[in-house]
């Protein structure tokens, strides 16, 4: 996992600082940019959620995305995924402007990412195995036997027991639902995984175990992880870099040390509050 700091912690968005490189883009220290957002504006009706937002996500990093409740953290993820329509700006994934892609090209890009939504979003009428097979059936052509084998592999990968395969979401604990949803996110061997509040609703032990799982999978599979979270433990233990959303834009970003040094009022309150001191030992 890369641990370079992005030196933009002065309360503004980062300078683009990229160059074309063999058909892709590179940013700080020639690191490959896999998600590039520029001048993004998103809103609903008369309400503007984001305006002038710039963000780069580098290959192989775990990026933690934080912000106050209602600021639009999950909206950014859904906008990148194409589930929310943007008003203005560009979004590039793997060097491709998503607005300029044909339907087939868009599907090819989408196959390279996986998503874990906040509540898991498992289909209640399908078993765990069948849920994991949903993206496989959409994008792949293979026998039922091979589909079953691959689904069982993903179940094992996320630390679930084999007998979870034939259970329905209603039979699962909160932690098991998260793991089953993560297995589905990994179904197509993605390069990028979007995680929306992955430890929300888990007890401290379960949340810590899930953080460890994310870190292990990132290292083993070489994943790029875009993680929306408010969990200070997750930010401290697994994230290489953090970006903070405020006032509709990125107000600070960098390593945990860079965030602690930020002079932005919200960032200071978030990373130097009582809960943060308990997690990070910051006096």
Protein backbone atom coordinates (compact mmCIF):
# COMPACT_ATOMS: atom_id res chain seq x y z
CA UNK A 1 0.00 0.00 0.00
CA UNK A 2 1.31 3.42 -0.89
CA UNK A 3 1.72 5.82 2.01
CA UNK A 4 2.77 9.02 0.31
CA UNK A 5 1.13 12.19 1.57
CA UNK A 6 -0.81 14.49 -0.67
CA UNK A 7 0.36 17.91 0.38
CA UNK A 8 -2.97 19.68 0.05
CA UNK A 9 -4.13 20.33 3.60
CA UNK A 10 -4.54 24.08 3.42
CA UNK A 11 -8.32 24.05 3.21
CA UNK A 12 -8.57 23.93 -0.58
CA UNK A 13 -8.78 21.34 -3.32
CA UNK A 14 -5.51 19.92 -4.64
CA UNK A 15 -3.84 21.15 -7.75
CA UNK A 16 -4.43 18.62 -10.53
CA UNK A 17 -0.71 17.88 -10.93
CA UNK A 18 -1.11 15.09 -13.45
CA UNK A 19 0.41 14.12 -16.76
CA UNK A 20 -0.55 11.76 -19.54
CA UNK A 21 1.32 8.49 -19.24
CA UNK A 22 0.89 5.69 -21.76
CA UNK A 23 -2.80 6.36 -22.13
CA UNK A 24 -3.43 6.82 -18.42
CA UNK A 25 -2.78 9.58 -15.94
CA UNK A 26 -0.19 9.96 -13.25
CA UNK A 27 -0.24 12.27 -10.28
CA UNK A 28 2.01 12.94 -7.32
CA UNK A 29 5.34 11.10 -7.64
CA UNK A 30 4.11 9.49 -10.90
CA UNK A 31 1.48 7.43 -9.09
CA UNK A 32 -1.28 6.18 -11.35
CA UNK A 33 -4.61 7.93 -10.93
CA UNK A 34 -7.46 5.43 -11.23
CA UNK A 35 -10.27 7.85 -10.30
CA UNK A 36 -10.03 11.51 -11.29
CA UNK A 37 -12.80 13.96 -10.41
CA UNK A 38 -12.62 17.58 -11.56
CA UNK A 39 -14.89 20.57 -10.92
CA UNK A 40 -17.77 18.31 -9.90
CA UNK A 41 -21.15 19.83 -9.13
CA UNK A 42 -24.04 17.73 -7.84
CA UNK A 43 -27.38 18.82 -6.45
CA UNK A 44 -31.00 17.89 -5.95
CA UNK A 45 -33.58 20.46 -6.95
CA UNK A 46 -32.43 23.83 -5.71
CA UNK A 47 -30.01 22.33 -3.19
CA UNK A 48 -26.35 22.09 -4.20
CA UNK A 49 -24.48 19.24 -2.50
CA UNK A 50 -21.07 19.63 -4.14
CA UNK A 51 -19.52 22.35 -6.24
CA UNK A 52 -16.00 22.63 -7.61
CA UNK A 53 -14.94 19.31 -6.10
CA UNK A 54 -11.59 17.88 -7.23
CA UNK A 55 -10.26 14.50 -6.13
CA UNK A 56 -7.71 11.92 -7.24
CA UNK A 57 -7.62 8.31 -6.09
CA UNK A 58 -4.36 6.44 -6.67
CA UNK A 59 -3.94 2.80 -7.62
CA UNK A 60 -3.31 0.51 -4.69
CA UNK A 61 -4.28 2.89 -1.90
CA UNK A 62 -7.02 2.78 0.70
CA UNK A 63 -8.60 6.23 0.66
CA UNK A 64 -10.86 7.16 3.55
CA UNK A 65 -13.53 9.72 2.66
CA UNK A 66 -14.97 11.65 5.59
CA UNK A 67 -17.33 14.54 6.20
CA UNK A 68 -20.13 15.71 8.43
CA UNK A 69 -23.48 13.91 8.20
CA UNK A 70 -25.53 15.14 5.27
CA UNK A 71 -22.53 16.63 3.46
CA UNK A 72 -22.74 14.18 0.56
CA UNK A 73 -20.10 11.53 1.20
CA UNK A 74 -22.23 8.72 -0.15
CA UNK A 75 -23.53 10.99 -2.92
CA UNK A 76 -20.01 11.27 -4.35
CA UNK A 77 -19.71 7.49 -4.51
CA UNK A 78 -23.10 7.15 -6.18
CA UNK A 79 -22.21 9.91 -8.65
CA UNK A 80 -18.99 8.16 -9.65
CA UNK A 81 -20.97 4.95 -10.10
CA UNK A 82 -23.50 6.73 -12.30
CA UNK A 83 -26.40 6.31 -9.86
CA UNK A 84 -26.70 10.08 -9.33
CA UNK A 85 -26.63 12.54 -12.22
CA UNK A 86 -24.08 15.33 -11.96
CA UNK A 87 -24.74 18.90 -13.03
CA UNK A 88 -21.20 19.69 -14.12
CA UNK A 89 -17.65 18.38 -14.10
CA UNK A 90 -15.73 15.34 -15.29
CA UNK A 91 -15.25 11.90 -13.81
CA UNK A 92 -12.54 9.65 -15.20
CA UNK A 93 -12.02 6.04 -14.15
CA UNK A 94 -8.98 4.15 -15.45
CA UNK A 95 -8.27 7.19 -17.64
CA UNK A 96 -11.69 7.02 -19.33
CA UNK A 97 -14.15 9.94 -19.20
CA UNK A 98 -17.34 8.13 -18.21
CA UNK A 99 -19.52 10.62 -20.12
CA UNK A 100 -17.82 9.77 -23.40
CA UNK A 101 -18.08 5.99 -23.24
CA UNK A 102 -20.39 3.83 -25.30
CA UNK A 103 -22.66 1.45 -23.41
CA UNK A 104 -20.31 -1.47 -24.07
CA UNK A 105 -17.25 0.50 -22.99
CA UNK A 106 -19.06 1.66 -19.86
CA UNK A 107 -19.90 -1.95 -18.97
CA UNK A 108 -16.25 -2.86 -19.43
CA UNK A 109 -15.25 -0.19 -16.92
CA UNK A 110 -18.01 -1.13 -14.48
CA UNK A 111 -16.84 -4.73 -14.53
CA UNK A 112 -13.54 -3.52 -13.04
CA UNK A 113 -15.14 -2.16 -9.86
CA UNK A 114 -17.16 -3.64 -7.02
CA UNK A 115 -19.45 -1.95 -4.51
CA UNK A 116 -20.46 -2.61 -0.92
CA UNK A 117 -23.43 -0.41 -0.03
CA UNK A 118 -24.01 0.77 3.52
CA UNK A 119 -26.69 -1.73 4.51
CA UNK A 120 -25.31 -4.50 2.32
CA UNK A 121 -28.17 -4.24 -0.21
CA UNK A 122 -28.43 -8.01 -0.52
CA UNK A 123 -31.46 -9.38 -2.34
CA UNK A 124 -33.67 -10.78 0.42
CA UNK A 125 -35.17 -13.53 -1.77
CA UNK A 126 -31.74 -14.89 -2.76
CA UNK A 127 -29.29 -16.93 -0.73
CA UNK A 128 -25.80 -15.65 -0.04
CA UNK A 129 -24.43 -17.78 -2.87
CA UNK A 130 -27.08 -16.53 -5.27
CA UNK A 131 -26.41 -12.91 -4.28
CA UNK A 132 -22.72 -13.34 -5.04
CA UNK A 133 -23.58 -14.88 -8.39
CA UNK A 134 -25.72 -11.92 -9.53
CA UNK A 135 -22.83 -9.92 -11.06
CA UNK A 136 -21.27 -13.13 -12.36
CA UNK A 137 -24.43 -13.98 -14.29
CA UNK A 138 -24.65 -10.44 -15.65
CA UNK A 139 -21.10 -10.23 -16.96
CA UNK A 140 -19.81 -13.79 -17.35
CA UNK A 141 -20.83 -16.86 -19.31
CA UNK A 142 -20.04 -20.07 -17.45
CA UNK A 143 -21.55 -23.30 -16.20
CA UNK A 144 -23.59 -23.59 -13.02
CA UNK A 145 -20.86 -25.74 -11.52
CA UNK A 146 -18.23 -23.09 -12.10
CA UNK A 147 -20.54 -20.35 -10.81
CA UNK A 148 -21.00 -22.34 -7.60
CA UNK A 149 -17.26 -22.92 -7.24
CA UNK A 150 -16.46 -19.24 -7.70
CA UNK A 151 -19.15 -18.16 -5.25
CA UNK A 152 -17.79 -20.56 -2.63
CA UNK A 153 -14.31 -19.17 -3.21
CA UNK A 154 -15.56 -15.63 -2.53
CA UNK A 155 -17.40 -16.82 0.59
CA UNK A 156 -14.19 -18.33 1.91
CA UNK A 157 -12.23 -15.21 0.93
CA UNK A 158 -14.28 -12.97 3.22
CA UNK A 159 -14.10 -15.33 6.18
CA UNK A 160 -17.60 -16.81 6.09
CA UNK A 161 -18.18 -20.49 6.75
CA UNK A 162 -19.29 -22.68 3.86
CA UNK A 163 -22.74 -23.21 5.36
CA UNK A 164 -23.46 -19.48 4.93
CA UNK A 165 -23.81 -20.08 1.19
CA UNK A 166 -27.38 -21.38 1.42
CA UNK A 167 -28.59 -18.92 4.05
CA UNK A 168 -30.82 -15.96 3.30
CA UNK A 169 -29.98 -12.40 4.43
CA UNK A 170 -32.65 -12.64 7.14
CA UNK A 171 -30.68 -15.52 8.68
CA UNK A 172 -27.45 -13.51 8.94
CA UNK A 173 -26.00 -11.30 11.65
CA UNK A 174 -24.99 -7.75 10.78
CA UNK A 175 -21.36 -8.74 10.43
CA UNK A 176 -22.21 -11.67 8.19
CA UNK A 177 -24.32 -9.41 5.96
CA UNK A 178 -21.34 -7.08 5.55
CA UNK A 179 -19.07 -9.98 4.63
CA UNK A 180 -21.58 -11.46 2.20
CA UNK A 181 -21.99 -8.06 0.55
CA UNK A 182 -18.21 -7.74 0.33
CA UNK A 183 -18.02 -11.17 -1.28
CA UNK A 184 -20.48 -9.98 -3.92
CA UNK A 185 -18.41 -6.81 -4.43
CA UNK A 186 -15.41 -9.06 -5.12
CA UNK A 187 -17.32 -11.41 -7.44
CA UNK A 188 -15.70 -10.16 -10.67
CA UNK A 189 -12.18 -9.73 -9.25
CA UNK A 190 -12.39 -5.91 -9.37
CA UNK A 191 -9.50 -3.48 -9.32
CA UNK A 192 -11.44 -0.85 -7.34
CA UNK A 193 -13.77 -1.53 -4.43
CA UNK A 194 -16.16 1.15 -3.16
CA UNK A 195 -17.12 0.69 0.49
CA UNK A 196 -19.94 2.81 1.93
CA UNK A 197 -19.71 2.90 5.74
CA UNK A 198 -18.47 -0.71 5.89
CA UNK A 199 -18.26 -0.86 9.70
CA UNK A 200 -21.52 0.99 10.41
CA UNK A 201 -23.71 -0.97 12.80
CA UNK A 202 -20.95 -3.35 13.87
CA UNK A 203 -19.72 -3.67 17.44
CA UNK A 204 -16.09 -2.62 18.08
CA UNK A 205 -14.77 -6.18 17.80
CA UNK A 206 -16.67 -6.86 14.58
CA UNK A 207 -15.61 -3.51 13.14
CA UNK A 208 -11.97 -4.20 13.95
CA UNK A 209 -12.15 -7.63 12.34
CA UNK A 210 -13.73 -6.12 9.23
CA UNK A 211 -10.98 -3.48 9.05
CA UNK A 212 -8.40 -6.26 9.23
CA UNK A 213 -10.20 -8.12 6.44
CA UNK A 214 -10.19 -5.04 4.21
CA UNK A 215 -6.48 -4.48 4.81
CA UNK A 216 -5.67 -8.13 4.11
CA UNK A 217 -7.71 -8.25 0.90
CA UNK A 218 -6.22 -4.96 -0.30
CA UNK A 219 -2.71 -6.30 0.18
CA UNK A 220 -3.42 -9.77 -1.21
CA UNK A 221 -5.44 -8.67 -4.25
CA UNK A 222 -3.77 -5.32 -4.93
CA UNK A 223 -7.07 -3.49 -4.61
CA UNK A 224 -7.72 0.22 -4.71
CA UNK A 225 -10.24 0.97 -1.96
CA UNK A 226 -12.50 4.04 -1.82
CA UNK A 227 -14.02 3.93 1.64
CA UNK A 228 -16.70 6.32 2.86
CA UNK A 229 -16.55 6.16 6.64
CA UNK A 230 -17.00 8.07 9.88
CA UNK A 231 -15.15 5.37 11.85
CA UNK A 232 -12.03 6.91 13.38
CA UNK A 233 -10.58 3.48 14.09
CA UNK A 234 -10.82 2.59 10.39
CA UNK A 235 -9.23 5.87 9.35
CA UNK A 236 -6.36 5.32 11.76
CA UNK A 237 -5.76 1.62 11.20
CA UNK A 238 -6.27 0.93 7.49
CA UNK A 239 -6.37 4.15 5.45
CA UNK A 240 -3.27 5.29 3.59
CA UNK A 241 -4.80 8.66 2.84
CA UNK A 242 -7.88 10.61 3.91
CA UNK A 243 -9.98 13.21 2.10
CA UNK A 244 -12.41 15.42 4.01
CA UNK A 245 -15.55 16.84 2.43
CA UNK A 246 -16.93 20.17 3.59
CA UNK A 247 -18.78 23.06 2.02
CA UNK A 248 -19.28 20.95 -1.10
CA UNK A 249 -15.60 20.41 -1.83
CA UNK A 250 -12.46 18.74 -0.51
CA UNK A 251 -11.28 20.86 2.42
CA UNK A 252 -8.25 18.76 3.39
CA UNK A 253 -6.53 15.57 2.35
CA UNK A 254 -3.43 13.58 3.14
CA UNK A 255 -2.15 11.03 5.62
CA UNK A 256 -3.55 10.84 9.14
CA UNK A 257 -0.60 13.00 10.23
CA UNK A 258 -1.46 15.60 7.60
CA UNK A 259 -5.07 15.66 8.75
CA UNK A 260 -3.98 16.17 12.34
CA UNK A 261 -1.91 19.15 11.18
CA UNK A 262 -4.72 20.74 9.16
CA UNK A 263 -5.89 24.16 10.30
CA UNK A 264 -9.41 23.71 8.90
CA UNK A 265 -11.90 24.15 11.74
CA UNK A 266 -14.04 21.09 10.95
CA UNK A 267 -11.02 18.86 10.40
CA UNK A 268 -9.50 20.00 13.69
CA UNK A 269 -12.74 19.31 15.54
CA UNK A 270 -13.07 15.87 13.93
CA UNK A 271 -9.50 14.68 14.40
CA UNK A 272 -8.77 16.33 17.76
CA UNK A 273 -12.09 15.71 19.52
CA UNK A 274 -12.50 13.48 22.55
CA UNK A 275 -13.28 10.35 20.50
CA UNK A 276 -10.32 10.99 18.21
CA UNK A 277 -7.97 11.35 21.16
CA UNK A 278 -9.19 8.04 22.55
CA UNK A 279 -8.50 6.30 19.24
CA UNK A 280 -5.24 7.99 18.29
CA UNK A 281 -3.77 8.79 21.66
CA UNK A 282 -3.65 12.46 20.68
CA UNK A 283 -3.54 14.70 23.67
